């Protein structure tokens, strides 16, 4: 049974702010992203937010995962994997960090300890 669906529509769906800078499609340093950003999600009754690195040496490395978010307020959700800022290995090139919000049909319970191969 399908529990989530991806919300589409481009970068304007959610806002990621590190300090006062909006993250969408911009280059950031490892230092400027070490602290968890302020995340503004769409007002969806129930959703999941995931941050991952599709360019990691270990495929689909998850940096942040929060489920059961009520009405887009991430503070109401269940943190499955706490925020881990980007730290790509030296010489590994440019890495993209993707934030996605997924609509949930019903509450979910997930236990994860491995951030890789999501």
Protein backbone atom coordinates (compact mmCIF):
# COMPACT_ATOMS: atom_id res chain seq x y z
CA UNK A 1 0.00 0.00 0.00
CA UNK A 2 1.34 3.43 -0.96
CA UNK A 3 1.88 5.68 2.07
CA UNK A 4 3.43 8.83 0.50
CA UNK A 5 3.43 10.78 -2.74
CA UNK A 6 5.88 13.38 -3.99
CA UNK A 7 4.67 16.97 -4.14
CA UNK A 8 5.75 18.46 -7.47
CA UNK A 9 6.13 22.00 -8.70
CA UNK A 10 9.77 23.09 -8.62
CA UNK A 11 11.92 24.87 -6.07
CA UNK A 12 9.24 27.25 -4.81
CA UNK A 13 7.42 24.52 -2.88
CA UNK A 14 9.61 24.65 0.20
CA UNK A 15 12.11 27.19 1.51
CA UNK A 16 15.42 26.22 3.05
CA UNK A 17 17.19 28.99 4.97
CA UNK A 18 20.68 28.73 6.39
CA UNK A 19 20.92 31.84 8.59
CA UNK A 20 19.30 34.48 6.35
CA UNK A 21 20.18 32.95 2.98
CA UNK A 22 17.68 30.96 0.94
CA UNK A 23 19.21 27.64 -0.15
CA UNK A 24 17.25 26.97 -3.38
CA UNK A 25 19.67 26.35 -6.27
CA UNK A 26 22.63 28.08 -4.68
CA UNK A 27 26.13 27.02 -3.76
CA UNK A 28 26.91 26.83 -0.05
CA UNK A 29 30.02 25.99 1.93
CA UNK A 30 30.26 23.08 4.34
CA UNK A 31 30.67 25.55 7.18
CA UNK A 32 27.54 27.54 6.29
CA UNK A 33 25.38 24.40 6.26
CA UNK A 34 26.66 22.73 9.43
CA UNK A 35 23.69 23.96 11.50
CA UNK A 36 20.17 22.70 10.77
CA UNK A 37 18.35 25.14 8.47
CA UNK A 38 14.97 26.76 8.97
CA UNK A 39 12.61 24.79 6.70
CA UNK A 40 9.27 26.15 5.50
CA UNK A 41 7.11 23.39 4.02
CA UNK A 42 3.83 23.37 2.13
CA UNK A 43 0.71 23.33 4.30
CA UNK A 44 -0.15 19.66 3.76
CA UNK A 45 -2.28 17.80 6.34
CA UNK A 46 0.34 15.04 6.84
CA UNK A 47 3.76 14.75 5.21
CA UNK A 48 7.38 13.58 5.31
CA UNK A 49 10.45 15.72 4.60
CA UNK A 50 13.72 14.19 3.44
CA UNK A 51 17.11 15.71 2.65
CA UNK A 52 19.52 13.51 0.70
CA UNK A 53 22.69 13.61 -1.40
CA UNK A 54 22.28 11.84 -4.75
CA UNK A 55 25.97 12.48 -5.52
CA UNK A 56 27.39 10.74 -2.45
CA UNK A 57 29.91 7.96 -2.91
CA UNK A 58 27.45 5.78 -1.00
CA UNK A 59 24.24 6.11 -3.07
CA UNK A 60 21.33 8.19 -1.80
CA UNK A 61 22.85 9.30 1.49
CA UNK A 62 20.13 10.68 3.80
CA UNK A 63 21.03 13.81 5.75
CA UNK A 64 17.67 14.46 7.41
CA UNK A 65 14.34 12.61 7.65
CA UNK A 66 11.20 13.78 9.47
CA UNK A 67 7.85 11.95 9.20
CA UNK A 68 4.29 12.64 10.33
CA UNK A 69 4.55 16.42 9.88
CA UNK A 70 1.20 18.09 10.50
CA UNK A 71 0.11 21.03 8.29
CA UNK A 72 3.67 21.71 7.08
CA UNK A 73 5.01 22.52 10.57
CA UNK A 74 8.20 20.45 10.75
CA UNK A 75 8.35 20.88 14.54
CA UNK A 76 5.25 18.64 14.83
CA UNK A 77 6.93 15.73 13.04
CA UNK A 78 8.85 12.68 14.17
CA UNK A 79 12.59 12.98 13.52
CA UNK A 80 13.72 9.61 12.17
CA UNK A 81 17.25 10.74 11.22
CA UNK A 82 18.49 13.97 12.79
CA UNK A 83 20.05 16.69 10.65
CA UNK A 84 23.58 15.99 9.47
CA UNK A 85 25.08 18.83 7.46
CA UNK A 86 26.79 18.29 4.12
CA UNK A 87 30.39 17.09 4.38
CA UNK A 88 31.45 15.67 1.01
CA UNK A 89 34.92 14.14 0.84
CA UNK A 90 37.66 16.29 -0.62
CA UNK A 91 37.99 15.79 -4.37
CA UNK A 92 34.52 14.28 -4.81
CA UNK A 93 33.22 17.18 -6.90
CA UNK A 94 30.03 19.17 -6.54
CA UNK A 95 27.25 17.57 -4.50
CA UNK A 96 23.55 18.37 -4.73
CA UNK A 97 21.44 18.27 -1.59
CA UNK A 98 17.81 17.58 -2.31
CA UNK A 99 14.96 18.46 0.04
CA UNK A 100 11.64 16.80 -0.77
CA UNK A 101 8.27 16.92 0.91
CA UNK A 102 6.11 13.83 0.49
CA UNK A 103 2.41 13.74 1.26
CA UNK A 104 1.37 10.94 3.61
CA UNK A 105 -1.96 9.15 3.46
CA UNK A 106 -1.75 8.07 7.11
CA UNK A 107 0.80 8.22 9.97
CA UNK A 108 3.88 6.04 9.51
CA UNK A 109 6.45 4.61 11.90
CA UNK A 110 9.97 4.12 10.59
CA UNK A 111 13.09 3.06 12.43
CA UNK A 112 16.34 3.72 10.57
CA UNK A 113 19.93 3.82 11.71
CA UNK A 114 21.72 3.59 8.34
CA UNK A 115 21.81 6.83 6.34
CA UNK A 116 23.14 5.21 3.16
CA UNK A 117 21.42 3.37 0.30
CA UNK A 118 18.06 4.84 1.16
